[in-house]
Each structure stands twice: as structure tokens, then as C-alpha cells.
């Protein structure tokens, strides 16, 4: 009888165990503007692992510049600001979506736009690095020719002002 009780308790305890939460990146999309000299945007979902970590950077060998931003409302005016890192809480989710946190993306290589995907490297504070393929979409259903004109834009900082130059 005691063996049956121990066996049942073991099954109950093992059944209540779940695999440890794993840090993850899902649903990565880059939107390329069909309007020349306009940056693209990027969206995705982060899932927290067993401990809090920070997303510190996103890079790509095929994109000139990627910045993390968040939309803000200040004195009734909508805008955005660059963010240096993003807390990914243990077991939580952080969504990069329109109207909230998002990526600003400049200078995607034309071959990646034509291919429809680009690899992004996500770098976290605990040393984790993920290389994730992002789906490329052209905003507003515009053609690839307008989007391709965006891929060669060079960005220069002049006295803190960003200027687009061809």
C-alpha cells in the first residue's frame, strides 16, 4: 500500500514539473518602405527564460544600421526615442509591435530584399546570441523597385541630426 502511495506522489510531482523556461525570439519581421530614403521597421516577440536578461543589440551583416526604438506620447505629441536595451523578464514576454517598441532599419542589402529574408543577430546580457531569420515584407504592398531604392541609403550624423544621403 505504501509503495502505491509513493508511486502516485511521484507521478503527481513529476507531472507538475515543467521544462525550464527558455529565452526565445519569435515572429521576426522587417518591413521595408517602398518610399525612397525611408527607414524600414522591425517587429518580433521575446520570451523570457529562467532569469531576467536584457536585449542589448540586434545586428546583421546585411543591414547598414539597426536601432531599437519605442513610441512615446509627450505633451500630447506622438514621437519615438531610441532605447539602448530592453529588459526581458524571467518567464515574461516583450512584444515589439507598431505603436510600441520597434526596430528602425536602414540599408538592407538588395539581395536580401529580393530573397525575402535576412538574418538578424540578437545579443543578450547573459551572453546568449541567437541568429534568427527575419521575414522581409514591403510596406503597403508596394513593389520591390521602390523598396530596392531604399537599400542603398547612407545615413550620416551631423551635429546630432540624422540626414539621409544617396
C-alpha atoms as a PDB file:
ATOM      1  CA  UNK A   1       0.000   0.000   0.000  1.00  0.00           C
ATOM      2  CA  UNK A   2       2.794   2.428   0.896  1.00  0.00           C
ATOM      3  CA  UNK A   3       4.512   1.703  -2.459  1.00  0.00           C
ATOM      4  CA  UNK A   4       1.326   2.692  -4.297  1.00  0.00           C
ATOM      5  CA  UNK A   5       1.177   5.996  -2.338  1.00  0.00           C
ATOM      6  CA  UNK A   6       4.818   6.816  -3.153  1.00  0.00           C
ATOM      7  CA  UNK A   7       4.278   5.889  -6.795  1.00  0.00           C
ATOM      8  CA  UNK A   8       1.191   8.131  -7.070  1.00  0.00           C
ATOM      9  CA  UNK A   9       3.010  11.023  -5.360  1.00  0.00           C
ATOM     10  CA  UNK A  10       5.952  10.625  -7.726  1.00  0.00           C
ATOM     11  CA  UNK A  11       3.631  10.805 -10.737  1.00  0.00           C
ATOM     12  CA  UNK A  12       1.900  13.908  -9.331  1.00  0.00           C
ATOM     13  CA  UNK A  13       5.206  15.636  -8.615  1.00  0.00           C
ATOM     14  CA  UNK A  14       6.734  14.768 -11.983  1.00  0.00           C
ATOM     15  CA  UNK A  15       3.563  15.855 -13.758  1.00  0.00           C
ATOM     16  CA  UNK A  16       3.738  19.261 -12.098  1.00  0.00           C
ATOM     17  CA  UNK A  17       7.301  19.776 -13.287  1.00  0.00           C
ATOM     18  CA  UNK A  18       7.593  21.706 -16.486  1.00  0.00           C
ATOM     19  CA  UNK A  19      10.680  22.186 -18.569  1.00  0.00           C
ATOM     20  CA  UNK A  20      12.650  25.282 -17.628  1.00  0.00           C
ATOM     21  CA  UNK A  21      11.618  28.446 -19.437  1.00  0.00           C
ATOM     22  CA  UNK A  22      13.900  29.195 -22.373  1.00  0.00           C
ATOM     23  CA  UNK A  23      14.819  32.608 -23.703  1.00  0.00           C
ATOM     24  CA  UNK A  24      13.316  32.925 -27.163  1.00  0.00           C
ATOM     25  CA  UNK A  25      12.791  35.182 -30.166  1.00  0.00           C
ATOM     26  CA  UNK A  26       9.775  34.586 -32.418  1.00  0.00           C
ATOM     27  CA  UNK A  27       7.819  36.070 -35.329  1.00  0.00           C
ATOM     28  CA  UNK A  28      10.613  38.337 -36.601  1.00  0.00           C
ATOM     29  CA  UNK A  29       9.552  40.596 -39.472  1.00  0.00           C
ATOM     30  CA  UNK A  30      11.270  43.508 -41.209  1.00  0.00           C
ATOM     31  CA  UNK A  31       9.053  45.931 -43.147  1.00  0.00           C
ATOM     32  CA  UNK A  32      10.820  47.759 -45.983  1.00  0.00           C
ATOM     33  CA  UNK A  33       9.346  51.062 -47.135  1.00  0.00           C
ATOM     34  CA  UNK A  34       8.549  51.413 -50.835  1.00  0.00           C
ATOM     35  CA  UNK A  35       9.316  55.146 -50.474  1.00  0.00           C
ATOM     36  CA  UNK A  36      12.902  56.056 -51.271  1.00  0.00           C
ATOM     37  CA  UNK A  37      15.092  57.180 -48.340  1.00  0.00           C
ATOM     38  CA  UNK A  38      12.667  55.972 -45.657  1.00  0.00           C
ATOM     39  CA  UNK A  39      13.848  53.529 -42.982  1.00  0.00           C
ATOM     40  CA  UNK A  40      12.149  50.200 -42.510  1.00  0.00           C
ATOM     41  CA  UNK A  41      10.718  48.854 -39.280  1.00  0.00           C
ATOM     42  CA  UNK A  42      11.037  45.567 -37.423  1.00  0.00           C
ATOM     43  CA  UNK A  43       8.817  43.606 -35.082  1.00  0.00           C
ATOM     44  CA  UNK A  44       9.131  40.405 -33.018  1.00  0.00           C
ATOM     45  CA  UNK A  45       8.313  38.775 -29.683  1.00  0.00           C
ATOM     46  CA  UNK A  46      10.827  37.985 -26.931  1.00  0.00           C
ATOM     47  CA  UNK A  47      10.065  35.257 -24.373  1.00  0.00           C
ATOM     48  CA  UNK A  48      11.938  35.331 -21.061  1.00  0.00           C
ATOM     49  CA  UNK A  49      13.910  32.375 -19.753  1.00  0.00           C
ATOM     50  CA  UNK A  50      14.741  31.391 -16.166  1.00  0.00           C
ATOM     51  CA  UNK A  51      16.284  34.743 -15.272  1.00  0.00           C
ATOM     52  CA  UNK A  52      15.869  38.375 -16.204  1.00  0.00           C
ATOM     53  CA  UNK A  53      18.125  39.430 -19.094  1.00  0.00           C
ATOM     54  CA  UNK A  54      18.490  42.477 -21.299  1.00  0.00           C
ATOM     55  CA  UNK A  55      18.336  42.527 -25.068  1.00  0.00           C
ATOM     56  CA  UNK A  56      21.431  44.621 -25.720  1.00  0.00           C
ATOM     57  CA  UNK A  57      21.717  44.738 -29.503  1.00  0.00           C
ATOM     58  CA  UNK A  58      20.423  43.475 -32.814  1.00  0.00           C
ATOM     59  CA  UNK A  59      22.841  43.376 -35.725  1.00  0.00           C
ATOM     60  CA  UNK A  60      23.078  41.972 -39.216  1.00  0.00           C
ATOM     61  CA  UNK A  61      25.854  41.579 -41.757  1.00  0.00           C
ATOM     62  CA  UNK A  62      23.280  42.544 -44.390  1.00  0.00           C
ATOM     63  CA  UNK A  63      21.860  45.733 -42.856  1.00  0.00           C
ATOM     64  CA  UNK A  64      23.703  49.023 -42.516  1.00  0.00           C
ATOM     65  CA  UNK A  65      22.101  50.117 -39.241  1.00  0.00           C
ATOM     66  CA  UNK A  66      19.506  48.771 -36.782  1.00  0.00           C
ATOM     67  CA  UNK A  67      18.221  50.733 -33.781  1.00  0.00           C
ATOM     68  CA  UNK A  68      15.720  49.790 -31.066  1.00  0.00           C
ATOM     69  CA  UNK A  69      13.057  52.472 -30.522  1.00  0.00           C
ATOM     70  CA  UNK A  70       9.869  52.952 -28.575  1.00  0.00           C
ATOM     71  CA  UNK A  71       6.871  55.114 -29.333  1.00  0.00           C
ATOM     72  CA  UNK A  72       6.147  57.825 -26.773  1.00  0.00           C
ATOM     73  CA  UNK A  73       3.463  60.411 -26.106  1.00  0.00           C
ATOM     74  CA  UNK A  74       4.829  63.660 -24.688  1.00  0.00           C
ATOM     75  CA  UNK A  75       2.595  66.675 -24.093  1.00  0.00           C
ATOM     76  CA  UNK A  76       0.002  65.291 -26.477  1.00  0.00           C
ATOM     77  CA  UNK A  77       2.556  64.767 -29.262  1.00  0.00           C
ATOM     78  CA  UNK A  78       3.439  61.318 -30.556  1.00  0.00           C
ATOM     79  CA  UNK A  79       7.063  60.530 -31.219  1.00  0.00           C
ATOM     80  CA  UNK A  80       9.733  57.940 -30.654  1.00  0.00           C
ATOM     81  CA  UNK A  81      13.034  57.606 -28.889  1.00  0.00           C
ATOM     82  CA  UNK A  82      15.966  55.259 -29.225  1.00  0.00           C
ATOM     83  CA  UNK A  83      16.403  52.705 -26.444  1.00  0.00           C
ATOM     84  CA  UNK A  84      19.751  51.153 -25.531  1.00  0.00           C
ATOM     85  CA  UNK A  85      18.480  47.844 -24.112  1.00  0.00           C
ATOM     86  CA  UNK A  86      15.257  46.092 -23.194  1.00  0.00           C
ATOM     87  CA  UNK A  87      14.514  44.074 -20.066  1.00  0.00           C
ATOM     88  CA  UNK A  88      13.203  40.586 -20.844  1.00  0.00           C
ATOM     89  CA  UNK A  89      11.712  39.409 -17.541  1.00  0.00           C
ATOM     90  CA  UNK A  90      12.006  35.809 -16.431  1.00  0.00           C
ATOM     91  CA  UNK A  91       9.061  33.883 -17.855  1.00  0.00           C
ATOM     92  CA  UNK A  92       7.614  37.062 -19.382  1.00  0.00           C
ATOM     93  CA  UNK A  93       7.050  38.376 -22.885  1.00  0.00           C
ATOM     94  CA  UNK A  94       8.160  41.578 -24.584  1.00  0.00           C
ATOM     95  CA  UNK A  95       6.443  42.426 -27.849  1.00  0.00           C
ATOM     96  CA  UNK A  96       7.968  44.736 -30.446  1.00  0.00           C
ATOM     97  CA  UNK A  97       4.904  45.938 -32.388  1.00  0.00           C
ATOM     98  CA  UNK A  98       3.541  49.031 -34.139  1.00  0.00           C
ATOM     99  CA  UNK A  99       2.800  51.803 -31.634  1.00  0.00           C
ATOM    100  CA  UNK A 100       5.251  50.424 -29.056  1.00  0.00           C
ATOM    101  CA  UNK A 101       8.778  49.076 -29.071  1.00  0.00           C
ATOM    102  CA  UNK A 102      10.091  48.508 -32.599  1.00  0.00           C
ATOM    103  CA  UNK A 103      13.212  48.470 -34.747  1.00  0.00           C
ATOM    104  CA  UNK A 104      14.281  51.176 -37.181  1.00  0.00           C
ATOM    105  CA  UNK A 105      16.230  49.631 -40.054  1.00  0.00           C
ATOM    106  CA  UNK A 106      18.417  51.366 -42.662  1.00  0.00           C
ATOM    107  CA  UNK A 107      20.261  49.991 -45.681  1.00  0.00           C
ATOM    108  CA  UNK A 108      19.099  46.411 -46.226  1.00  0.00           C
ATOM    109  CA  UNK A 109      21.134  44.759 -48.976  1.00  0.00           C
ATOM    110  CA  UNK A 110      19.108  44.397 -52.187  1.00  0.00           C
ATOM    111  CA  UNK A 111      19.802  40.656 -52.386  1.00  0.00           C
ATOM    112  CA  UNK A 112      18.084  40.168 -49.013  1.00  0.00           C
ATOM    113  CA  UNK A 113      15.006  42.107 -50.109  1.00  0.00           C
ATOM    114  CA  UNK A 114      14.817  40.003 -53.258  1.00  0.00           C
ATOM    115  CA  UNK A 115      15.280  36.810 -51.210  1.00  0.00           C
ATOM    116  CA  UNK A 116      12.587  37.844 -48.734  1.00  0.00           C
ATOM    117  CA  UNK A 117      14.606  37.033 -45.577  1.00  0.00           C
ATOM    118  CA  UNK A 118      17.567  38.431 -43.690  1.00  0.00           C
ATOM    119  CA  UNK A 119      19.497  37.011 -40.710  1.00  0.00           C
ATOM    120  CA  UNK A 120      19.465  39.100 -37.523  1.00  0.00           C
ATOM    121  CA  UNK A 121      21.750  38.509 -34.540  1.00  0.00           C
ATOM    122  CA  UNK A 122      20.075  39.099 -31.154  1.00  0.00           C
ATOM    123  CA  UNK A 123      22.586  39.759 -28.336  1.00  0.00           C
ATOM    124  CA  UNK A 124      21.556  39.382 -24.673  1.00  0.00           C
ATOM    125  CA  UNK A 125      23.232  40.448 -21.417  1.00  0.00           C
ATOM    126  CA  UNK A 126      23.793  36.844 -20.250  1.00  0.00           C
ATOM    127  CA  UNK A 127      25.939  36.119 -23.318  1.00  0.00           C
ATOM    128  CA  UNK A 128      23.171  34.395 -25.282  1.00  0.00           C
ATOM    129  CA  UNK A 129      23.239  35.132 -29.009  1.00  0.00           C
ATOM    130  CA  UNK A 130      20.637  33.966 -31.480  1.00  0.00           C
ATOM    131  CA  UNK A 131      20.883  34.174 -35.262  1.00  0.00           C
ATOM    132  CA  UNK A 132      17.263  34.415 -36.415  1.00  0.00           C
ATOM    133  CA  UNK A 133      15.928  34.684 -39.982  1.00  0.00           C
ATOM    134  CA  UNK A 134      13.564  37.655 -40.350  1.00  0.00           C
ATOM    135  CA  UNK A 135      10.865  37.695 -42.991  1.00  0.00           C
ATOM    136  CA  UNK A 136      11.069  40.814 -45.195  1.00  0.00           C
ATOM    137  CA  UNK A 137       7.821  42.466 -46.267  1.00  0.00           C
ATOM    138  CA  UNK A 138       7.316  45.577 -48.385  1.00  0.00           C
ATOM    139  CA  UNK A 139       5.077  48.057 -46.549  1.00  0.00           C
ATOM    140  CA  UNK A 140       1.780  48.929 -48.178  1.00  0.00           C
ATOM    141  CA  UNK A 141       2.066  46.253 -50.809  1.00  0.00           C
ATOM    142  CA  UNK A 142       4.350  48.466 -52.881  1.00  0.00           C
ATOM    143  CA  UNK A 143       6.550  46.920 -55.497  1.00  0.00           C
ATOM    144  CA  UNK A 144      10.071  45.734 -54.976  1.00  0.00           C
ATOM    145  CA  UNK A 145      11.517  48.531 -57.160  1.00  0.00           C
ATOM    146  CA  UNK A 146      10.624  51.239 -54.620  1.00  0.00           C
ATOM    147  CA  UNK A 147      11.887  49.115 -51.772  1.00  0.00           C
ATOM    148  CA  UNK A 148      15.119  48.446 -53.647  1.00  0.00           C
ATOM    149  CA  UNK A 149      15.725  52.194 -53.930  1.00  0.00           C
ATOM    150  CA  UNK A 150      15.760  52.259 -50.125  1.00  0.00           C
ATOM    151  CA  UNK A 151      18.509  49.719 -49.717  1.00  0.00           C
ATOM    152  CA  UNK A 152      21.428  51.970 -50.649  1.00  0.00           C
ATOM    153  CA  UNK A 153      20.672  54.870 -48.315  1.00  0.00           C
ATOM    154  CA  UNK A 154      23.663  56.104 -46.371  1.00  0.00           C
ATOM    155  CA  UNK A 155      22.951  57.709 -43.002  1.00  0.00           C
ATOM    156  CA  UNK A 156      25.269  60.374 -41.601  1.00  0.00           C
ATOM    157  CA  UNK A 157      25.119  62.078 -38.221  1.00  0.00           C
ATOM    158  CA  UNK A 158      25.836  65.783 -38.492  1.00  0.00           C
ATOM    159  CA  UNK A 159      25.768  67.729 -35.236  1.00  0.00           C
ATOM    160  CA  UNK A 160      23.349  65.205 -33.759  1.00  0.00           C
ATOM    161  CA  UNK A 161      20.986  65.476 -36.747  1.00  0.00           C
ATOM    162  CA  UNK A 162      20.354  62.470 -38.937  1.00  0.00           C
ATOM    163  CA  UNK A 163      20.423  63.171 -42.628  1.00  0.00           C
ATOM    164  CA  UNK A 164      19.743  60.760 -45.453  1.00  0.00           C
ATOM    165  CA  UNK A 165      22.177  60.986 -48.356  1.00  0.00           C
ATOM    166  CA  UNK A 166      22.465  58.940 -51.528  1.00  0.00           C
END
